[in-house]
């Protein structure tokens, strides 16, 4: 999950800081914004979109793996 949202950490506007890290089985994201509230809201929206897509992808991969394991002899 941390890697899925980490590309947002690479290029951010001046006055914005985003860092995502994994600690054991949890993912933490720190967002610091010294610009407009609109920039902060857009950043959080992007982050949540990435998290949502990642969760869906992991869910599909898990179901696929379970299905494939049930088909193997």
PDB file of N, CA and C in Angstrom:
ATOM      1  N   UNK A   1       0.827  -1.184   0.000  1.00  0.00           N
ATOM      2  CA  UNK A   1       0.000   0.000   0.000  1.00  0.00           C
ATOM      3  C   UNK A   1       0.873   1.251   0.000  1.00  0.00           C
ATOM      4  N   UNK A   2       1.916   1.243   0.812  1.00  0.00           N
ATOM      5  CA  UNK A   2       2.782   2.417   0.890  1.00  0.00           C
ATOM      6  C   UNK A   2       3.400   2.735  -0.467  1.00  0.00           C
ATOM      7  N   UNK A   3       3.829   1.702  -1.191  1.00  0.00           N
ATOM      8  CA  UNK A   3       4.424   1.930  -2.505  1.00  0.00           C
ATOM      9  C   UNK A   3       3.394   2.436  -3.513  1.00  0.00           C
ATOM     10  N   UNK A   4       2.163   2.033  -3.347  1.00  0.00           N
ATOM     11  CA  UNK A   4       1.122   2.454  -4.282  1.00  0.00           C
ATOM     12  C   UNK A   4       0.832   3.951  -4.199  1.00  0.00           C
ATOM     13  N   UNK A   5       1.004   4.527  -3.025  1.00  0.00           N
ATOM     14  CA  UNK A   5       0.732   5.958  -2.891  1.00  0.00           C
ATOM     15  C   UNK A   5       2.008   6.786  -2.870  1.00  0.00           C
ATOM     16  N   UNK A   6       3.154   6.145  -2.841  1.00  0.00           N
ATOM     17  CA  UNK A   6       4.426   6.864  -2.776  1.00  0.00           C
ATOM     18  C   UNK A   6       4.764   7.720  -3.989  1.00  0.00           C
ATOM     19  N   UNK A   7       4.325   7.387  -5.212  1.00  0.00           N
ATOM     20  CA  UNK A   7       4.653   8.280  -6.330  1.00  0.00           C
ATOM     21  C   UNK A   7       4.210   9.720  -6.094  1.00  0.00           C
ATOM     22  N   UNK A   8       3.183   9.934  -5.294  1.00  0.00           N
ATOM     23  CA  UNK A   8       2.767  11.294  -4.976  1.00  0.00           C
ATOM     24  C   UNK A   8       3.832  12.033  -4.175  1.00  0.00           C
ATOM     25  N   UNK A   9       4.751  11.304  -3.577  1.00  0.00           N
ATOM     26  CA  UNK A   9       5.792  11.931  -2.773  1.00  0.00           C
ATOM     27  C   UNK A   9       6.883  12.575  -3.631  1.00  0.00           C
ATOM     28  N   UNK A  10       6.974  12.204  -4.887  1.00  0.00           N
ATOM     29  CA  UNK A  10       8.096  12.621  -5.718  1.00  0.00           C
ATOM     30  C   UNK A  10       8.026  14.096  -6.089  1.00  0.00           C
ATOM     31  N   UNK A  11       6.948  14.525  -6.685  1.00  0.00           N
ATOM     32  CA  UNK A  11       6.835  15.907  -7.131  1.00  0.00           C
ATOM     33  C   UNK A  11       5.606  16.546  -6.505  1.00  0.00           C
ATOM     34  N   UNK A  12       5.844  17.476  -5.604  1.00  0.00           N
ATOM     35  CA  UNK A  12       4.741  18.201  -4.981  1.00  0.00           C
ATOM     36  C   UNK A  12       5.019  19.692  -5.112  1.00  0.00           C
ATOM     37  N   UNK A  13       3.976  20.495  -5.116  1.00  0.00           N
ATOM     38  CA  UNK A  13       4.172  21.948  -5.231  1.00  0.00           C
ATOM     39  C   UNK A  13       4.936  22.511  -4.033  1.00  0.00           C
ATOM     40  N   UNK A  14       5.567  23.643  -4.212  1.00  0.00           N
ATOM     41  CA  UNK A  14       6.238  24.296  -3.080  1.00  0.00           C
ATOM     42  C   UNK A  14       5.242  24.546  -1.943  1.00  0.00           C
ATOM     43  N   UNK A  15       5.701  24.349  -0.712  1.00  0.00           N
ATOM     44  CA  UNK A  15       4.834  24.547   0.441  1.00  0.00           C
ATOM     45  C   UNK A  15       4.037  23.319   0.827  1.00  0.00           C
ATOM     46  N   UNK A  16       4.264  22.213   0.112  1.00  0.00           N
ATOM     47  CA  UNK A  16       3.540  20.974   0.394  1.00  0.00           C
ATOM     48  C   UNK A  16       4.551  19.856   0.610  1.00  0.00           C
ATOM     49  N   UNK A  17       4.321  19.060   1.639  1.00  0.00           N
ATOM     50  CA  UNK A  17       5.186  17.934   1.954  1.00  0.00           C
ATOM     51  C   UNK A  17       4.309  16.716   2.187  1.00  0.00           C
ATOM     52  N   UNK A  18       4.614  15.609   1.488  1.00  0.00           N
ATOM     53  CA  UNK A  18       3.869  14.368   1.646  1.00  0.00           C
ATOM     54  C   UNK A  18       4.879  13.241   1.814  1.00  0.00           C
ATOM     55  N   UNK A  19       4.726  12.486   2.889  1.00  0.00           N
ATOM     56  CA  UNK A  19       5.604  11.335   3.112  1.00  0.00           C
ATOM     57  C   UNK A  19       4.754  10.159   3.557  1.00  0.00           C
ATOM     58  N   UNK A  20       4.954   9.027   2.896  1.00  0.00           N
ATOM     59  CA  UNK A  20       4.241   7.798   3.230  1.00  0.00           C
ATOM     60  C   UNK A  20       5.254   6.742   3.629  1.00  0.00           C
ATOM     61  N   UNK A  21       4.963   6.050   4.713  1.00  0.00           N
ATOM     62  CA  UNK A  21       5.876   5.016   5.197  1.00  0.00           C
ATOM     63  C   UNK A  21       5.071   3.858   5.765  1.00  0.00           C
ATOM     64  N   UNK A  22       5.689   2.686   5.711  1.00  0.00           N
ATOM     65  CA  UNK A  22       5.076   1.488   6.286  1.00  0.00           C
ATOM     66  C   UNK A  22       5.815   1.143   7.564  1.00  0.00           C
ATOM     67  N   UNK A  23       5.032   0.871   8.591  1.00  0.00           N
ATOM     68  CA  UNK A  23       5.587   0.384   9.856  1.00  0.00           C
ATOM     69  C   UNK A  23       4.833  -0.886  10.207  1.00  0.00           C
ATOM     70  N   UNK A  24       5.555  -1.995  10.068  1.00  0.00           N
ATOM     71  CA  UNK A  24       4.964  -3.317  10.242  1.00  0.00           C
ATOM     72  C   UNK A  24       3.808  -3.492   9.272  1.00  0.00           C
ATOM     73  N   UNK A  25       2.605  -3.686   9.764  1.00  0.00           N
ATOM     74  CA  UNK A  25       1.470  -3.931   8.863  1.00  0.00           C
ATOM     75  C   UNK A  25       0.609  -2.686   8.665  1.00  0.00           C
ATOM     76  N   UNK A  26       1.126  -1.517   9.055  1.00  0.00           N
ATOM     77  CA  UNK A  26       0.349  -0.282   8.926  1.00  0.00           C
ATOM     78  C   UNK A  26       1.058   0.712   8.018  1.00  0.00           C
ATOM     79  N   UNK A  27       0.260   1.543   7.360  1.00  0.00           N
ATOM     80  CA  UNK A  27       0.790   2.580   6.479  1.00  0.00           C
ATOM     81  C   UNK A  27       0.425   3.937   7.068  1.00  0.00           C
ATOM     82  N   UNK A  28       1.415   4.811   7.151  1.00  0.00           N
ATOM     83  CA  UNK A  28       1.214   6.152   7.685  1.00  0.00           C
ATOM     84  C   UNK A  28       1.594   7.179   6.636  1.00  0.00           C
ATOM     85  N   UNK A  29       0.775   8.205   6.503  1.00  0.00           N
ATOM     86  CA  UNK A  29       1.085   9.304   5.598  1.00  0.00           C
ATOM     87  C   UNK A  29       1.040  10.607   6.372  1.00  0.00           C
ATOM     88  N   UNK A  30       2.085  11.395   6.196  1.00  0.00           N
ATOM     89  CA  UNK A  30       2.163  12.720   6.797  1.00  0.00           C
ATOM     90  C   UNK A  30       2.017  13.741   5.688  1.00  0.00           C
ATOM     91  N   UNK A  31       1.115  14.684   5.883  1.00  0.00           N
ATOM     92  CA  UNK A  31       0.919  15.756   4.910  1.00  0.00           C
ATOM     93  C   UNK A  31       1.082  17.079   5.648  1.00  0.00           C
ATOM     94  N   UNK A  32       1.997  17.898   5.162  1.00  0.00           N
ATOM     95  CA  UNK A  32       2.164  19.244   5.694  1.00  0.00           C
ATOM     96  C   UNK A  32       1.907  20.214   4.555  1.00  0.00           C
ATOM     97  N   UNK A  33       1.052  21.169   4.810  1.00  0.00           N
ATOM     98  CA  UNK A  33       0.677  22.115   3.757  1.00  0.00           C
ATOM     99  C   UNK A  33       0.775  23.539   4.301  1.00  0.00           C
ATOM    100  N   UNK A  34       1.616  24.333   3.669  1.00  0.00           N
ATOM    101  CA  UNK A  34       1.774  25.726   4.052  1.00  0.00           C
ATOM    102  C   UNK A  34       1.262  26.650   2.946  1.00  0.00           C
ATOM    103  N   UNK A  35       0.384  26.109   2.130  1.00  0.00           N
ATOM    104  CA  UNK A  35      -0.199  26.901   1.052  1.00  0.00           C
ATOM    105  C   UNK A  35      -1.708  26.965   1.263  1.00  0.00           C
ATOM    106  N   UNK A  36      -2.437  26.987   0.190  1.00  0.00           N
ATOM    107  CA  UNK A  36      -3.892  27.131   0.255  1.00  0.00           C
ATOM    108  C   UNK A  36      -4.569  25.868   0.784  1.00  0.00           C
ATOM    109  N   UNK A  37      -5.679  26.067   1.454  1.00  0.00           N
ATOM    110  CA  UNK A  37      -6.483  24.941   1.933  1.00  0.00           C
ATOM    111  C   UNK A  37      -6.927  24.073   0.762  1.00  0.00           C
ATOM    112  N   UNK A  38      -7.204  24.689  -0.374  1.00  0.00           N
ATOM    113  CA  UNK A  38      -7.622  23.951  -1.575  1.00  0.00           C
ATOM    114  C   UNK A  38      -6.539  22.946  -1.999  1.00  0.00           C
ATOM    115  N   UNK A  39      -5.270  23.339  -1.879  1.00  0.00           N
ATOM    116  CA  UNK A  39      -4.163  22.437  -2.215  1.00  0.00           C
ATOM    117  C   UNK A  39      -4.141  21.241  -1.268  1.00  0.00           C
ATOM    118  N   UNK A  40      -4.351  21.502   0.024  1.00  0.00           N
ATOM    119  CA  UNK A  40      -4.386  20.436   1.017  1.00  0.00           C
ATOM    120  C   UNK A  40      -5.522  19.459   0.727  1.00  0.00           C
ATOM    121  N   UNK A  41      -6.704  19.990   0.454  1.00  0.00           N
ATOM    122  CA  UNK A  41      -7.870  19.149   0.167  1.00  0.00           C
ATOM    123  C   UNK A  41      -7.638  18.308  -1.085  1.00  0.00           C
ATOM    124  N   UNK A  42      -7.080  18.908  -2.122  1.00  0.00           N
ATOM    125  CA  UNK A  42      -6.807  18.169  -3.359  1.00  0.00           C
ATOM    126  C   UNK A  42      -5.786  17.054  -3.114  1.00  0.00           C
ATOM    127  N   UNK A  43      -4.797  17.336  -2.274  1.00  0.00           N
ATOM    128  CA  UNK A  43      -3.778  16.328  -1.951  1.00  0.00           C
ATOM    129  C   UNK A  43      -4.394  15.154  -1.205  1.00  0.00           C
ATOM    130  N   UNK A  44      -5.217  15.443  -0.217  1.00  0.00           N
ATOM    131  CA  UNK A  44      -5.877  14.381   0.540  1.00  0.00           C
ATOM    132  C   UNK A  44      -6.797  13.576  -0.376  1.00  0.00           C
ATOM    133  N   UNK A  45      -7.504  14.267  -1.268  1.00  0.00           N
ATOM    134  CA  UNK A  45      -8.385  13.586  -2.220  1.00  0.00           C
ATOM    135  C   UNK A  45      -7.588  12.637  -3.114  1.00  0.00           C
ATOM    136  N   UNK A  46      -6.453  13.094  -3.640  1.00  0.00           N
ATOM    137  CA  UNK A  46      -5.593  12.241  -4.469  1.00  0.00           C
ATOM    138  C   UNK A  46      -5.083  11.042  -3.681  1.00  0.00           C
ATOM    139  N   UNK A  47      -4.663  11.301  -2.464  1.00  0.00           N
ATOM    140  CA  UNK A  47      -4.149  10.230  -1.615  1.00  0.00           C
ATOM    141  C   UNK A  47      -5.210   9.170  -1.352  1.00  0.00           C
ATOM    142  N   UNK A  48      -6.413   9.606  -1.005  1.00  0.00           N
ATOM    143  CA  UNK A  48      -7.493   8.653  -0.736  1.00  0.00           C
ATOM    144  C   UNK A  48      -7.886   7.878  -1.992  1.00  0.00           C
ATOM    145  N   UNK A  49      -7.818   8.520  -3.146  1.00  0.00           N
ATOM    146  CA  UNK A  49      -8.098   7.814  -4.407  1.00  0.00           C
ATOM    147  C   UNK A  49      -7.071   6.709  -4.640  1.00  0.00           C
ATOM    148  N   UNK A  50      -5.801   7.015  -4.400  1.00  0.00           N
ATOM    149  CA  UNK A  50      -4.745   6.015  -4.567  1.00  0.00           C
ATOM    150  C   UNK A  50      -4.929   4.857  -3.590  1.00  0.00           C
ATOM    151  N   UNK A  51      -5.281   5.170  -2.352  1.00  0.00           N
ATOM    152  CA  UNK A  51      -5.504   4.133  -1.349  1.00  0.00           C
ATOM    153  C   UNK A  51      -6.678   3.245  -1.767  1.00  0.00           C
ATOM    154  N   UNK A  52      -7.747   3.856  -2.250  1.00  0.00           N
ATOM    155  CA  UNK A  52      -8.923   3.099  -2.674  1.00  0.00           C
ATOM    156  C   UNK A  52      -8.583   2.140  -3.810  1.00  0.00           C
ATOM    157  N   UNK A  53      -7.868   2.637  -4.807  1.00  0.00           N
ATOM    158  CA  UNK A  53      -7.488   1.785  -5.942  1.00  0.00           C
ATOM    159  C   UNK A  53      -6.576   0.651  -5.465  1.00  0.00           C
ATOM    160  N   UNK A  54      -5.654   0.955  -4.580  1.00  0.00           N
ATOM    161  CA  UNK A  54      -4.748  -0.073  -4.055  1.00  0.00           C
ATOM    162  C   UNK A  54      -5.506  -1.150  -3.301  1.00  0.00           C
ATOM    163  N   UNK A  55      -6.439  -0.739  -2.458  1.00  0.00           N
ATOM    164  CA  UNK A  55      -7.231  -1.714  -1.711  1.00  0.00           C
ATOM    165  C   UNK A  55      -8.016  -2.623  -2.649  1.00  0.00           C
ATOM    166  N   UNK A  56      -8.597  -2.056  -3.689  1.00  0.00           N
ATOM    167  CA  UNK A  56      -9.349  -2.859  -4.660  1.00  0.00           C
ATOM    168  C   UNK A  56      -8.425  -3.826  -5.387  1.00  0.00           C
ATOM    169  N   UNK A  57      -7.240  -3.352  -5.778  1.00  0.00           N
ATOM    170  CA  UNK A  57      -6.294  -4.217  -6.480  1.00  0.00           C
ATOM    171  C   UNK A  57      -5.833  -5.369  -5.583  1.00  0.00           C
ATOM    172  N   UNK A  58      -5.531  -5.071  -4.329  1.00  0.00           N
ATOM    173  CA  UNK A  58      -5.125  -6.125  -3.400  1.00  0.00           C
ATOM    174  C   UNK A  58      -6.243  -7.131  -3.190  1.00  0.00           C
ATOM    175  N   UNK A  59      -7.461  -6.656  -3.123  1.00  0.00           N
ATOM    176  CA  UNK A  59      -8.606  -7.539  -2.930  1.00  0.00           C
ATOM    177  C   UNK A  59      -8.777  -8.481  -4.123  1.00  0.00           C
ATOM    178  N   UNK A  60      -8.663  -7.937  -5.322  1.00  0.00           N
ATOM    179  CA  UNK A  60      -8.782  -8.762  -6.531  1.00  0.00           C
ATOM    180  C   UNK A  60      -7.639  -9.775  -6.590  1.00  0.00           C
ATOM    181  N   UNK A  61      -6.434  -9.338  -6.280  1.00  0.00           N
ATOM    182  CA  UNK A  61      -5.285 -10.246  -6.312  1.00  0.00           C
ATOM    183  C   UNK A  61      -5.452 -11.366  -5.290  1.00  0.00           C
ATOM    184  N   UNK A  62      -5.959 -11.032  -4.131  1.00  0.00           N
ATOM    185  CA  UNK A  62      -6.172 -12.051  -3.090  1.00  0.00           C
ATOM    186  C   UNK A  62      -7.222 -13.068  -3.534  1.00  0.00           C
ATOM    187  N   UNK A  63      -8.340 -12.566  -4.116  1.00  0.00           N
ATOM    188  CA  UNK A  63      -9.376 -13.492  -4.593  1.00  0.00           C
ATOM    189  C   UNK A  63      -8.844 -14.366  -5.715  1.00  0.00           C
ATOM    190  N   UNK A  64      -8.056 -13.785  -6.618  1.00  0.00           N
ATOM    191  CA  UNK A  64      -7.479 -14.541  -7.724  1.00  0.00           C
ATOM    192  C   UNK A  64      -6.562 -15.635  -7.195  1.00  0.00           C
ATOM    193  N   UNK A  65      -5.730 -15.285  -6.224  1.00  0.00           N
ATOM    194  CA  UNK A  65      -4.808 -16.265  -5.652  1.00  0.00           C
ATOM    195  C   UNK A  65      -5.579 -17.397  -4.973  1.00  0.00           C
ATOM    196  N   UNK A  66      -6.629 -17.051  -4.225  1.00  0.00           N
ATOM    197  CA  UNK A  66      -7.432 -18.074  -3.565  1.00  0.00           C
ATOM    198  C   UNK A  66      -8.115 -18.958  -4.592  1.00  0.00           C
ATOM    199  N   UNK A  67      -8.638 -18.363  -5.656  1.00  0.00           N
ATOM    200  CA  UNK A  67      -9.314 -19.121  -6.704  1.00  0.00           C
ATOM    201  C   UNK A  67      -8.323 -20.041  -7.407  1.00  0.00           C
ATOM    202  N   UNK A  68      -7.163 -19.514  -7.733  1.00  0.00           N
ATOM    203  CA  UNK A  68      -6.147 -20.310  -8.423  1.00  0.00           C
ATOM    204  C   UNK A  68      -5.680 -21.468  -7.546  1.00  0.00           C
ATOM    205  N   UNK A  69      -5.514 -21.227  -6.249  1.00  0.00           N
ATOM    206  CA  UNK A  69      -5.082 -22.303  -5.345  1.00  0.00           C
ATOM    207  C   UNK A  69      -6.139 -23.395  -5.228  1.00  0.00           C
ATOM    208  N   UNK A  70      -7.393 -23.041  -5.337  1.00  0.00           N
ATOM    209  CA  UNK A  70      -8.464 -24.049  -5.265  1.00  0.00           C
ATOM    210  C   UNK A  70      -8.521 -24.896  -6.523  1.00  0.00           C
ATOM    211  N   UNK A  71      -8.012 -24.371  -7.649  1.00  0.00           N
ATOM    212  CA  UNK A  71      -8.050 -25.120  -8.903  1.00  0.00           C
ATOM    213  C   UNK A  71      -6.862 -26.039  -9.077  1.00  0.00           C
ATOM    214  N   UNK A  72      -5.784 -25.777  -8.337  1.00  0.00           N
ATOM    215  CA  UNK A  72      -4.590 -26.603  -8.476  1.00  0.00           C
ATOM    216  C   UNK A  72      -4.778 -27.951  -7.776  1.00  0.00           C
ATOM    217  N   UNK A  73      -4.241 -29.034  -8.360  1.00  0.00           N
ATOM    218  CA  UNK A  73      -4.382 -30.367  -7.749  1.00  0.00           C
ATOM    219  C   UNK A  73      -3.599 -30.506  -6.457  1.00  0.00           C
TER     220      UNK A  73
END
